[in-house]
Amino acid sequence: MKELRHKTLSLLCSAAIAAAASVPLSASAEWVHIGYMGDLNNDKELSVADIVIMNRHLLGIEPLNDSNSYHVQNSFVGIHGADGFQAGEYFVTADINQDEAVDAFDLVQLKKAILNNSPLWVWQWKTGNTSTDDPIEWNGDFIGASVNDVYKFMPSQGTGRMLIIYADFADCKFSYYPSTDEIEEIAFGDEKPDSSQYPWESISAFFKRSSKGAMELSGRAYRYTTYNSVSKYSGVPGQKALLTEACRALDGNIDFRDFDGDNDGYIDTLTLIVPGQTSNDTWWPASVQFADDNYAYDGVKIGHMITGNCQINSSSDYHDFVSTLTHETGHCMGLPDYYRYDKSSDADGLHGKAGSELMDDTGGDLSCVSKLHLGWYRTDQVQVYDPSAGTQSFTLYNAQTSNGNTVIIPCGDLNNRYHSEYMMLEYTTKYANNSAPPWYVAMGEGIRIYHVDATLYNNGWWTSFRYASGSEFTDNYEGRRFIRLIDDENYDNIYNSGDIINGNISGFRWYDGSGRQTVDTGLSIEIGEKNNGAYTVTIRNS
């Protein structure tokens, strides 16, 4: 029998995933699932057909060839820093035990994998996004998503997958019981402009409009009833206990890999909804990292979990369910909260008629700041002011349409991946995702301006936005923050034709060394006429 020699591959399998749980991956790394060891006919699954192919090879009837190998497009990285492949090499998927020979030992491993339904996954490290200093990459017509540089699990571009578990307790029931089909329609249904719940007719529809189609959310919903009383599930440990209990019950009936849309080895988002009457101390809606790699189902682990008592109230009353999960999914995609923690007297991070934002008050569409980092602008929709070019004019289109765009005014050099200080302008309207704000949200139409500092911070375990809400670096919100509004007050702080923004406007200054907004920008912005549904803004040295 001819042996197939090749470079040893370091791969991740179910057991190895658990073993590597204590070694967090870089936040900018992206693992892409490209197949299974032992998948010899390349049908993306392990079956008797693969056993037949390996047997024929071992008997010398039909030797394996390049069709039973993977060609390496990028570099591979193994567990604990093991060497990987270089572009142009290939590895043989039949060498399951990686001893550089295909023999009877590999056949035994293949049979065990099929019998135990535990395929060995092959993972690919995507190069080109391994440093937060590298230029942002384009994703088709869209800019790259700089949120890929922070620790998160739900993709903001392409297909994101959500598993919803709609769970009640032995002694705590829902007041209304939607079918799983109804839950899935409310969560993942198509756009319905005539719906009474519009623009909250579904989570998927909201994101499709906001992302201009860059992000598609889909998933499934399942029902579960616990054997224990609600009092047995307290705090985050109780949430995790219920989640894993439900997953064990579902295991064997579903393939959890179906909920790993970006193939990074984690369920994109696992959502646990409980009855509205449960205690807010435990079940107030929240999104947290599951942070326990010992739990894996079908070879995938739990990334983010969303928990909450934001139940569906009836077939025509589910605004709270959709708006809440939309906000929490924003966290799973990498966005921080914009409201201020521990500020009970005034938690809003953004005030006035310019202050509506999904990640602040769950009151409307995502802002230009959010869309920039999520990668929801097309390549020609991010305009950057060049101070060396003098006076420049820009056109801003309705942010709630597919033509919505933005202007960035950098403070010094603009980081290649937008992780620096700058200001952003957009033309916001009461259209589409902003068409039905809740009663507590004031909303205007016109130009709004944000002051952003999207610098990153790595604490040795994961990477996050340095000045996000709750961070010690915000000086109790008096210093630098991820996002602020210019003229952030509780009045009409939307700008319209004829308005001029300069150093006399509150907040229109750069941060100084102490994190206070004292440094003169040396600029002024004039809001021009609105013609054909678009504003002209002119930026000049003042």
Protein backbone atom coordinates (compact mmCIF):
# COMPACT_ATOMS: atom_id res chain seq x y z
CA MET A 1 0.00 0.00 0.00
CA LYS A 2 1.33 3.41 -0.93
CA GLU A 3 1.56 5.84 2.00
CA LEU A 4 0.47 9.44 1.57
CA ARG A 5 3.05 11.72 3.15
CA HIS A 6 2.24 15.26 4.09
CA LYS A 7 2.86 17.90 6.73
CA THR A 8 1.15 17.18 10.06
CA LEU A 9 -2.05 19.14 10.53
CA SER A 10 -3.06 20.66 13.85
CA LEU A 11 -6.81 20.49 13.99
CA LEU A 12 -9.55 21.19 16.47
CA CYS A 13 -12.01 18.49 17.45
CA SER A 14 -14.59 18.29 20.20
CA ALA A 15 -12.15 17.02 22.82
CA ALA A 16 -9.43 19.44 21.80
CA ILE A 17 -11.79 22.39 21.98
CA ALA A 18 -12.43 21.70 25.65
CA ALA A 19 -8.73 21.25 26.29
CA ALA A 20 -7.93 24.62 24.76
CA ALA A 21 -10.68 26.48 26.59
CA SER A 22 -8.24 28.26 28.89
CA VAL A 23 -6.33 29.74 25.95
CA PRO A 24 -8.49 32.54 24.47
CA LEU A 25 -8.05 33.29 20.79
CA SER A 26 -7.13 36.74 19.58
CA ALA A 27 -10.21 38.89 19.17
CA SER A 28 -9.25 39.71 15.60
CA ALA A 29 -8.85 36.07 14.62
CA GLU A 30 -11.44 34.37 12.48
CA TRP A 31 -11.69 30.56 12.31
CA VAL A 32 -13.52 29.31 9.27
CA HIS A 33 -14.88 25.76 9.21
CA ILE A 34 -13.95 24.21 5.87
CA GLY A 35 -14.73 20.54 6.38
CA TYR A 36 -14.21 17.33 8.36
CA MET A 37 -11.25 15.02 8.66
CA GLY A 38 -12.37 11.74 7.08
CA ASP A 39 -14.81 13.37 4.64
CA LEU A 40 -13.32 11.62 1.64
CA ASN A 41 -16.08 12.29 -0.87
CA ASN A 42 -16.29 16.00 0.07
CA ASP A 43 -20.02 15.96 0.81
CA LYS A 44 -19.54 17.90 4.12
CA GLU A 45 -20.50 14.95 6.31
CA LEU A 46 -19.12 11.63 7.53
CA SER A 47 -20.90 8.48 6.38
CA VAL A 48 -20.49 4.88 5.29
CA ALA A 49 -19.54 6.22 1.86
CA ASP A 50 -16.31 7.57 3.36
CA ILE A 51 -15.58 4.20 4.97
CA VAL A 52 -15.98 2.54 1.55
CA ILE A 53 -13.51 4.99 -0.02
CA MET A 54 -10.93 4.41 2.71
CA ASN A 55 -11.35 0.62 2.49
CA ARG A 56 -10.80 0.69 -1.26
CA HIS A 57 -7.64 2.73 -0.69
CA LEU A 58 -6.31 0.32 1.98
CA LEU A 59 -7.00 -2.68 -0.28
CA GLY A 60 -5.16 -1.01 -3.16
CA ILE A 61 -8.28 -0.99 -5.35
CA GLU A 62 -8.59 2.78 -5.75
CA PRO A 63 -5.86 4.90 -4.14
CA LEU A 64 -6.71 8.29 -2.68
CA ASN A 65 -5.84 11.33 -4.74
CA ASP A 66 -5.92 15.13 -4.55
CA SER A 67 -9.72 15.12 -4.46
CA ASN A 68 -9.42 13.68 -0.96
CA SER A 69 -7.25 16.60 0.20
CA TYR A 70 -7.71 20.24 1.08
CA HIS A 71 -5.58 22.81 -0.68
CA VAL A 72 -4.39 25.56 1.66
CA GLN A 73 -5.36 29.07 0.64
CA ASN A 74 -4.20 30.73 3.86
CA SER A 75 -2.09 29.78 6.87
CA PHE A 76 -3.27 27.28 9.44
CA VAL A 77 -2.74 27.73 13.15
CA GLY A 78 -2.88 24.83 15.59
CA ILE A 79 -3.75 24.59 19.27
CA HIS A 80 -1.27 26.22 21.66
CA GLY A 81 0.62 27.81 18.80
CA ALA A 82 1.51 24.68 16.84
CA ASP A 83 2.94 25.24 13.38
CA GLY A 84 0.48 25.52 10.53
CA PHE A 85 0.45 25.22 6.78
CA GLN A 86 1.62 27.84 4.34
CA ALA A 87 -0.30 28.83 1.25
CA GLY A 88 0.12 26.34 -1.57
CA GLU A 89 0.39 23.22 0.60
CA TYR A 90 -2.26 20.59 1.11
CA PHE A 91 -3.18 18.00 3.69
CA VAL A 92 -4.87 14.63 3.38
CA THR A 93 -8.22 14.35 5.13
CA ALA A 94 -7.87 10.56 5.45
CA ASP A 95 -4.93 10.85 7.87
CA ILE A 96 -7.20 11.31 10.86
CA ASN A 97 -4.63 10.54 13.55
CA GLN A 98 -2.01 12.77 11.83
CA ASP A 99 0.85 10.26 11.82
CA GLU A 100 1.65 11.01 8.17
CA ALA A 101 0.26 7.69 6.96
CA VAL A 102 -3.20 6.51 5.96
CA ASP A 103 -3.69 3.06 7.47
CA ALA A 104 -6.01 0.86 9.51
CA PHE A 105 -5.68 3.15 12.53
CA ASP A 106 -7.32 5.96 10.56
CA LEU A 107 -10.10 3.60 9.50
CA VAL A 108 -10.80 2.84 13.18
CA GLN A 109 -10.92 6.59 13.96
CA LEU A 110 -13.29 7.19 11.06
CA LYS A 111 -15.66 4.44 12.19
CA LYS A 112 -15.66 5.81 15.76
CA ALA A 113 -16.41 9.33 14.54
CA ILE A 114 -19.39 8.08 12.52
CA LEU A 115 -20.66 5.77 15.26
CA ASN A 116 -20.44 8.48 17.94
CA ASN A 117 -21.64 11.26 15.64
CA SER A 118 -18.56 13.28 16.56
CA PRO A 119 -16.85 14.44 13.35
CA LEU A 120 -13.40 16.00 13.56
CA TRP A 121 -13.51 19.54 12.29
CA VAL A 122 -10.91 21.26 10.19
CA TRP A 123 -10.46 24.97 10.84
CA GLN A 124 -8.81 27.62 8.74
CA TRP A 125 -7.22 30.79 10.03
CA LYS A 126 -8.18 33.68 7.77
CA THR A 127 -5.17 35.86 7.19
CA GLY A 128 -5.39 39.59 6.50
CA ASN A 129 -7.31 40.36 9.70
CA THR A 130 -4.79 39.41 12.36
CA SER A 131 -3.74 42.90 13.39
CA THR A 132 -5.85 45.86 14.47
CA ASP A 133 -3.33 48.05 12.62
CA ASP A 134 -4.02 46.46 9.24
CA PRO A 135 -6.19 48.43 6.81
CA ILE A 136 -9.88 47.56 6.94
CA GLU A 137 -10.76 45.00 4.29
CA TRP A 138 -13.70 45.32 1.95
CA ASN A 139 -16.42 42.69 2.04
CA GLY A 140 -17.87 42.74 -1.45
CA ASP A 141 -19.62 46.09 -1.88
CA PHE A 142 -19.38 46.81 1.86
CA ILE A 143 -16.56 48.06 4.03
CA GLY A 144 -15.06 45.59 6.46
CA ALA A 145 -16.54 45.21 9.95
CA SER A 146 -14.13 46.66 12.51
CA VAL A 147 -16.17 45.01 15.31
CA ASN A 148 -14.36 41.85 14.22
CA ASP A 149 -11.46 43.20 16.28
CA VAL A 150 -13.36 42.89 19.58
CA TYR A 151 -14.36 39.75 21.46
CA LYS A 152 -17.75 38.70 20.09
CA PHE A 153 -19.49 35.81 18.37
CA MET A 154 -22.35 36.97 16.11
CA PRO A 155 -21.21 38.04 12.61
CA SER A 156 -22.38 41.51 11.56
CA GLN A 157 -21.97 40.69 7.88
CA GLY A 158 -23.28 37.67 6.04
CA THR A 159 -25.50 35.20 7.86
CA GLY A 160 -25.99 35.25 11.61
CA ARG A 161 -27.81 32.41 13.33
CA MET A 162 -29.86 32.51 16.53
CA LEU A 163 -31.21 29.61 18.55
CA ILE A 164 -34.23 30.69 20.65
CA ILE A 165 -35.34 28.61 23.62
CA TYR A 166 -38.76 29.75 24.84
CA ALA A 167 -38.79 28.30 28.34
CA ASP A 168 -41.24 28.32 31.24
CA PHE A 169 -41.06 26.76 34.68
CA ALA A 170 -43.01 24.19 36.63
CA ASP A 171 -44.55 27.00 38.70
CA CYS A 172 -44.25 30.03 36.38
CA LYS A 173 -46.03 30.05 33.04
CA PHE A 174 -46.45 32.35 30.07
CA SER A 175 -49.67 34.33 29.84
CA TYR A 176 -49.67 33.68 26.09
CA TYR A 177 -48.17 30.64 24.36
CA PRO A 178 -47.06 31.32 20.78
CA SER A 179 -46.29 28.34 18.59
CA THR A 180 -42.68 27.84 17.56
CA ASP A 181 -43.71 28.84 14.02
CA GLU A 182 -45.10 32.09 15.39
CA ILE A 183 -41.94 32.77 17.41
CA GLU A 184 -39.80 32.18 14.34
CA GLU A 185 -41.98 34.47 12.22
CA ILE A 186 -41.75 37.24 14.82
CA ALA A 187 -37.99 36.79 15.19
CA PHE A 188 -36.90 35.97 11.64
CA GLY A 189 -39.82 36.86 9.36
CA ASP A 190 -39.67 38.96 6.21
CA GLU A 191 -40.20 42.71 6.05
CA LYS A 192 -43.85 43.73 6.43
CA PRO A 193 -44.31 47.50 6.01
CA ASP A 194 -48.06 47.14 6.65
CA SER A 195 -47.57 45.36 9.99
CA SER A 196 -49.03 47.05 13.06
CA GLN A 197 -45.67 46.40 14.76
CA TYR A 198 -43.54 47.99 12.01
CA PRO A 199 -40.58 48.64 12.13
CA TRP A 200 -40.39 46.00 14.85
CA GLU A 201 -42.20 43.33 12.81
CA SER A 202 -39.16 41.06 13.17
CA ILE A 203 -35.54 41.22 14.30
CA SER A 204 -34.39 40.10 10.87
CA ALA A 205 -36.41 42.75 9.05
CA PHE A 206 -35.05 45.53 11.27
CA PHE A 207 -31.44 44.47 10.67
CA LYS A 208 -31.97 43.95 6.96
CA ARG A 209 -33.10 47.56 6.58
CA SER A 210 -30.43 48.98 8.88
CA SER A 211 -27.58 47.00 7.28
CA LYS A 212 -28.68 47.63 3.69
CA GLY A 213 -28.79 43.88 3.32
CA ALA A 214 -25.24 43.29 4.58
CA MET A 215 -26.49 41.15 7.47
CA GLU A 216 -29.10 38.39 7.38
CA LEU A 217 -30.37 36.96 10.68
CA SER A 218 -32.09 33.59 10.72
CA GLY A 219 -32.66 30.80 13.19
CA ARG A 220 -35.06 28.43 14.89
CA ALA A 221 -37.16 28.43 18.05
CA TYR A 222 -37.85 25.60 20.49
CA ARG A 223 -40.07 25.24 23.56
CA TYR A 224 -38.89 23.91 26.90
CA THR A 225 -40.43 23.45 30.38
CA THR A 226 -38.23 22.91 33.42
CA TYR A 227 -38.82 20.25 36.05
CA ASN A 228 -37.82 22.66 38.80
CA SER A 229 -39.46 25.79 40.18
CA VAL A 230 -38.31 29.23 39.07
CA SER A 231 -36.63 29.81 42.45
CA LYS A 232 -34.07 27.14 41.56
CA TYR A 233 -32.66 29.36 38.82
CA SER A 234 -31.14 32.47 40.37
CA GLY A 235 -28.62 34.94 39.00
CA VAL A 236 -26.26 34.26 36.12
CA PRO A 237 -25.47 30.73 37.42
CA GLY A 238 -29.22 30.00 37.30
CA GLN A 239 -29.46 31.35 33.78
CA LYS A 240 -26.57 29.15 32.64
CA ALA A 241 -28.04 26.14 34.45
CA LEU A 242 -31.37 26.53 32.66
CA LEU A 243 -29.66 27.13 29.33
CA THR A 244 -27.49 24.01 29.55
CA GLU A 245 -30.41 21.97 30.87
CA ALA A 246 -32.47 22.94 27.83
CA CYS A 247 -29.55 22.29 25.47
CA ARG A 248 -29.11 18.79 26.86
CA ALA A 249 -32.81 18.15 26.30
CA LEU A 250 -32.56 19.37 22.71
CA ASP A 251 -29.31 17.56 21.99
CA GLY A 252 -29.94 14.70 19.64
CA ASN A 253 -32.98 16.41 18.11
CA ILE A 254 -31.15 19.31 16.52
CA ASP A 255 -27.71 19.94 15.05
CA PHE A 256 -26.19 22.82 16.99
CA ARG A 257 -23.73 23.43 14.17
CA ASP A 258 -26.64 24.92 12.23
CA PHE A 259 -26.45 27.92 14.58
CA ASP A 260 -22.82 28.72 13.89
CA GLY A 261 -23.30 31.04 10.93
CA ASP A 262 -19.68 32.17 10.68
CA ASN A 263 -18.20 28.74 11.46
CA ASP A 264 -16.03 29.95 14.31
CA GLY A 265 -16.88 27.02 16.56
CA TYR A 266 -19.41 28.94 18.63
CA ILE A 267 -23.19 29.19 18.43
CA ASP A 268 -23.64 32.77 17.19
CA THR A 269 -26.29 33.56 19.80
CA LEU A 270 -28.32 31.37 22.10
CA THR A 271 -31.41 33.21 23.35
CA LEU A 272 -33.40 32.14 26.42
CA ILE A 273 -36.82 33.77 26.89
CA VAL A 274 -38.79 33.23 30.10
CA PRO A 275 -42.22 34.48 31.31
CA GLY A 276 -42.62 38.19 31.93
CA GLN A 277 -43.59 37.68 35.56
CA THR A 278 -40.17 36.31 36.51
CA SER A 279 -37.96 38.42 38.75
CA ASN A 280 -36.07 41.26 37.10
CA ASP A 281 -33.15 40.56 39.43
CA THR A 282 -32.33 37.45 37.40
CA TRP A 283 -34.30 37.81 34.21
CA TRP A 284 -34.02 41.47 33.21
CA PRO A 285 -32.93 41.22 29.53
CA ALA A 286 -29.18 41.05 29.07
CA SER A 287 -26.53 39.71 26.75
CA VAL A 288 -23.41 38.15 28.26
CA GLN A 289 -20.58 35.92 27.14
CA PHE A 290 -21.30 32.38 28.25
CA ALA A 291 -17.61 32.01 29.12
CA ASP A 292 -17.52 28.28 29.78
CA ASP A 293 -15.89 26.24 27.05
CA ASN A 294 -16.57 22.98 28.88
CA TYR A 295 -20.03 22.92 27.31
CA ALA A 296 -20.08 21.86 23.67
CA TYR A 297 -22.90 20.43 21.59
CA ASP A 298 -22.17 18.76 18.24
CA GLY A 299 -18.68 20.21 18.53
CA VAL A 300 -19.75 23.85 18.92
CA LYS A 301 -19.64 25.89 22.09
CA ILE A 302 -21.92 28.64 23.38
CA GLY A 303 -20.68 32.14 22.59
CA HIS A 304 -23.08 34.86 23.66
CA MET A 305 -26.27 34.10 25.51
CA ILE A 306 -29.23 36.47 25.60
CA THR A 307 -31.58 35.99 28.51
CA GLY A 308 -34.70 37.90 29.44
CA ASN A 309 -38.36 38.06 30.39
CA CYS A 310 -39.32 40.03 27.26
CA GLN A 311 -42.08 37.61 26.33
CA ILE A 312 -44.42 37.79 23.32
CA ASN A 313 -47.64 39.17 24.81
CA SER A 314 -50.00 38.21 22.00
CA SER A 315 -50.14 37.63 18.27
CA SER A 316 -50.40 41.41 17.82
CA ASP A 317 -48.24 42.61 20.72
CA TYR A 318 -44.58 41.71 20.47
CA HIS A 319 -42.83 45.08 20.18
CA ASP A 320 -40.92 44.56 23.44
CA PHE A 321 -39.75 41.09 22.36
CA VAL A 322 -38.36 42.33 19.04
CA SER A 323 -36.90 45.67 20.14
CA THR A 324 -35.22 44.14 23.18
CA LEU A 325 -33.68 41.23 21.28
CA THR A 326 -32.58 43.59 18.52
CA HIS A 327 -30.66 45.65 21.08
CA GLU A 328 -29.15 42.57 22.71
CA THR A 329 -28.15 41.12 19.34
CA GLY A 330 -26.26 44.37 18.74
CA HIS A 331 -24.06 43.35 21.69
CA CYS A 332 -23.55 39.89 20.22
CA MET A 333 -22.26 41.58 17.05
CA GLY A 334 -19.74 43.57 19.08
CA LEU A 335 -21.40 46.89 19.96
CA PRO A 336 -21.29 48.19 23.55
CA ASP A 337 -24.12 49.90 25.40
CA TYR A 338 -24.34 53.63 24.79
CA TYR A 339 -26.33 54.42 27.93
CA ARG A 340 -24.48 55.18 31.14
CA TYR A 341 -24.27 52.49 33.78
CA ASP A 342 -24.92 53.41 37.43
CA LYS A 343 -26.50 56.74 36.49
CA SER A 344 -30.03 56.13 37.74
CA SER A 345 -30.95 59.80 37.65
CA ASP A 346 -29.98 60.11 33.97
CA ALA A 347 -28.87 56.90 32.30
CA ASP A 348 -29.19 58.22 28.74
CA GLY A 349 -25.90 58.43 26.96
CA LEU A 350 -27.36 60.51 24.12
CA HIS A 351 -29.89 63.24 24.78
CA GLY A 352 -32.34 65.43 22.91
CA LYS A 353 -33.98 64.96 19.54
CA ALA A 354 -30.68 63.75 18.12
CA GLY A 355 -30.30 61.12 20.83
CA SER A 356 -32.34 58.15 19.60
CA GLU A 357 -30.17 55.05 19.08
CA LEU A 358 -30.85 51.33 19.38
CA MET A 359 -27.83 50.77 21.64
CA ASP A 360 -28.79 53.65 23.96
CA ASP A 361 -32.54 53.71 24.52
CA THR A 362 -33.76 51.01 22.09
CA GLY A 363 -35.67 53.82 20.51
CA GLY A 364 -34.86 53.60 16.84
CA ASP A 365 -32.31 52.83 14.17
CA LEU A 366 -28.61 52.31 14.67
CA SER A 367 -26.52 55.44 14.17
CA CYS A 368 -23.75 56.07 11.67
CA VAL A 369 -21.23 55.18 14.40
CA SER A 370 -22.75 51.73 14.88
CA LYS A 371 -23.11 51.12 11.16
CA LEU A 372 -19.50 52.10 10.49
CA HIS A 373 -18.14 49.52 12.91
CA LEU A 374 -20.62 46.83 11.90
CA GLY A 375 -19.57 47.21 8.26
CA TRP A 376 -22.96 48.43 7.08
CA TYR A 377 -21.75 51.06 4.63
CA ARG A 378 -20.91 50.48 1.02
CA THR A 379 -17.42 51.45 -0.04
CA ASP A 380 -18.49 54.81 -1.48
CA GLN A 381 -20.65 55.78 1.50
CA VAL A 382 -17.85 56.59 3.95
CA GLN A 383 -16.58 60.09 3.16
CA VAL A 384 -13.54 61.43 5.02
CA TYR A 385 -12.72 65.12 5.43
CA ASP A 386 -9.12 65.99 4.61
CA PRO A 387 -7.96 69.01 6.68
CA SER A 388 -5.07 69.64 4.28
CA ALA A 389 -7.49 70.11 1.39
CA GLY A 390 -9.17 73.16 2.91
CA THR A 391 -12.88 73.75 2.43
CA GLN A 392 -14.81 70.69 1.36
CA SER A 393 -18.50 70.02 0.74
CA PHE A 394 -20.27 66.70 1.14
CA THR A 395 -23.74 65.37 0.39
CA LEU A 396 -25.58 63.41 3.07
CA TYR A 397 -28.49 61.14 2.15
CA ASN A 398 -31.27 59.80 4.34
CA ALA A 399 -29.60 57.49 6.87
CA GLN A 400 -32.69 55.27 7.02
CA THR A 401 -32.41 54.28 3.37
CA SER A 402 -29.97 52.14 1.39
CA ASN A 403 -28.34 55.37 0.19
CA GLY A 404 -27.59 56.53 3.73
CA ASN A 405 -23.97 57.64 4.11
CA THR A 406 -21.69 59.48 6.53
CA VAL A 407 -18.82 61.97 6.81
CA ILE A 408 -15.85 61.38 9.12
CA ILE A 409 -13.76 64.25 10.47
CA PRO A 410 -10.57 62.67 11.87
CA CYS A 411 -8.61 64.01 14.83
CA GLY A 412 -5.12 63.70 13.41
CA ASP A 413 -4.53 60.40 11.62
CA LEU A 414 -7.56 58.19 11.10
CA ASN A 415 -6.82 54.64 12.18
CA ASN A 416 -6.96 52.15 9.32
CA ARG A 417 -9.71 50.25 11.14
CA TYR A 418 -11.49 53.30 12.62
CA HIS A 419 -10.11 52.65 16.12
CA SER A 420 -9.23 56.26 16.88
CA GLU A 421 -10.82 59.64 17.66
CA TYR A 422 -13.02 61.40 15.11
CA MET A 423 -16.40 63.03 14.54
CA MET A 424 -19.18 61.63 12.35
CA LEU A 425 -22.10 63.29 10.59
CA GLU A 426 -25.32 61.78 9.29
CA TYR A 427 -28.72 62.92 8.06
CA THR A 428 -31.29 61.19 10.24
CA THR A 429 -35.04 61.02 9.54
CA LYS A 430 -38.24 59.52 10.94
CA TYR A 431 -38.36 57.03 8.09
CA ALA A 432 -38.29 53.20 8.20
CA ASN A 433 -36.54 52.03 11.40
CA ASN A 434 -37.11 55.46 12.95
CA SER A 435 -40.80 55.64 12.03
CA ALA A 436 -42.27 54.47 15.35
CA PRO A 437 -40.18 55.63 18.32
CA PRO A 438 -41.49 54.74 21.78
CA TRP A 439 -43.24 57.44 23.78
CA TYR A 440 -40.16 58.19 25.87
CA VAL A 441 -37.89 58.96 22.88
CA ALA A 442 -37.80 62.39 21.27
CA MET A 443 -36.77 62.32 17.63
CA GLY A 444 -35.97 64.97 15.06
CA GLU A 445 -34.95 65.13 11.42
CA GLY A 446 -31.77 66.70 10.13
CA ILE A 447 -28.02 66.49 10.69
CA ARG A 448 -26.59 65.05 13.89
CA ILE A 449 -22.92 64.92 14.84
CA TYR A 450 -21.12 62.40 17.06
CA HIS A 451 -17.78 62.55 18.83
CA VAL A 452 -16.24 59.07 18.79
CA ASP A 453 -13.23 57.45 20.41
CA ALA A 454 -13.16 53.83 19.27
CA THR A 455 -9.71 53.01 20.63
CA LEU A 456 -9.32 49.34 21.59
CA TYR A 457 -8.17 47.81 24.85
CA ASN A 458 -6.79 44.31 25.41
CA ASN A 459 -6.90 43.16 29.03
CA GLY A 460 -4.85 40.05 28.32
CA TRP A 461 -7.92 37.86 27.76
CA TRP A 462 -10.02 39.68 25.20
CA THR A 463 -10.23 42.95 23.28
CA SER A 464 -12.97 45.54 23.76
CA PHE A 465 -13.60 49.23 23.13
CA ARG A 466 -11.51 51.10 25.69
CA TYR A 467 -14.06 53.84 26.37
CA ALA A 468 -17.27 51.82 26.29
CA SER A 469 -19.93 52.27 28.97
CA GLY A 470 -18.87 50.86 32.31
CA SER A 471 -15.18 51.16 31.49
CA GLU A 472 -12.84 52.50 34.17
CA PHE A 473 -11.22 54.67 31.50
CA THR A 474 -14.22 57.00 31.01
CA ASP A 475 -13.57 58.79 34.35
CA ASN A 476 -17.18 58.19 35.38
CA TYR A 477 -18.30 59.40 31.92
CA GLU A 478 -16.64 62.80 32.39
CA GLY A 479 -13.71 61.81 30.18
CA ARG A 480 -13.35 60.06 26.85
CA ARG A 481 -16.27 57.94 25.73
CA PHE A 482 -16.89 55.60 22.84
CA ILE A 483 -19.74 57.82 21.65
CA ARG A 484 -21.05 61.30 22.49
CA LEU A 485 -23.38 63.71 20.76
CA ILE A 486 -22.26 67.22 19.86
CA ASP A 487 -24.52 69.62 21.80
CA ASP A 488 -25.73 66.76 23.99
CA GLU A 489 -28.67 68.38 25.77
CA ASN A 490 -32.38 67.65 26.25
CA TYR A 491 -33.70 69.89 23.50
CA ASP A 492 -33.74 70.09 19.72
CA ASN A 493 -30.07 69.41 18.98
CA ILE A 494 -30.68 68.44 15.37
CA TYR A 495 -29.08 70.78 12.82
CA ASN A 496 -30.84 72.06 9.71
CA SER A 497 -30.18 74.42 6.80
CA GLY A 498 -28.35 77.57 7.86
CA ASP A 499 -26.98 76.17 11.12
CA ILE A 500 -23.26 76.57 11.80
CA ILE A 501 -21.37 74.31 14.18
CA ASN A 502 -18.06 75.61 15.57
CA GLY A 503 -16.16 75.94 18.84
CA ASN A 504 -19.07 77.84 20.38
CA ILE A 505 -21.20 74.68 20.28
CA SER A 506 -21.00 72.45 23.35
CA GLY A 507 -18.90 69.37 22.72
CA PHE A 508 -17.47 70.44 19.37
CA ARG A 509 -13.90 70.02 20.56
CA TRP A 510 -11.30 67.26 20.67
CA TYR A 511 -10.24 65.53 23.87
CA ASP A 512 -7.23 66.85 25.75
CA GLY A 513 -4.69 64.77 27.67
CA SER A 514 -7.06 64.58 30.64
CA GLY A 515 -9.95 63.34 28.53
CA ARG A 516 -11.86 66.63 28.57
CA GLN A 517 -13.30 68.22 25.42
CA THR A 518 -11.16 71.38 25.39
CA VAL A 519 -9.04 71.23 22.22
CA ASP A 520 -10.24 73.55 19.45
CA THR A 521 -10.94 71.66 16.22
CA GLY A 522 -10.14 74.73 14.17
CA LEU A 523 -13.13 73.84 12.01
CA SER A 524 -16.66 74.99 11.33
CA ILE A 525 -19.49 73.08 9.70
CA GLU A 526 -22.23 74.82 7.73
CA ILE A 527 -25.46 72.96 7.02
CA GLY A 528 -26.57 73.84 3.51
CA GLU A 529 -29.87 73.49 1.72
CA LYS A 530 -31.79 70.25 1.50
CA ASN A 531 -32.44 69.36 -2.12
CA ASN A 532 -33.97 66.19 -3.50
CA GLY A 533 -33.98 64.60 -0.09
CA ALA A 534 -30.30 65.23 0.67
CA TYR A 535 -28.34 67.81 2.66
CA THR A 536 -25.11 69.53 1.67
CA VAL A 537 -22.65 70.16 4.49
CA THR A 538 -19.53 72.29 4.12
CA ILE A 539 -16.52 71.89 6.39
CA ARG A 540 -13.88 74.61 6.48
CA ASN A 541 -11.03 75.87 8.60
CA SER A 542 -12.51 78.54 10.87
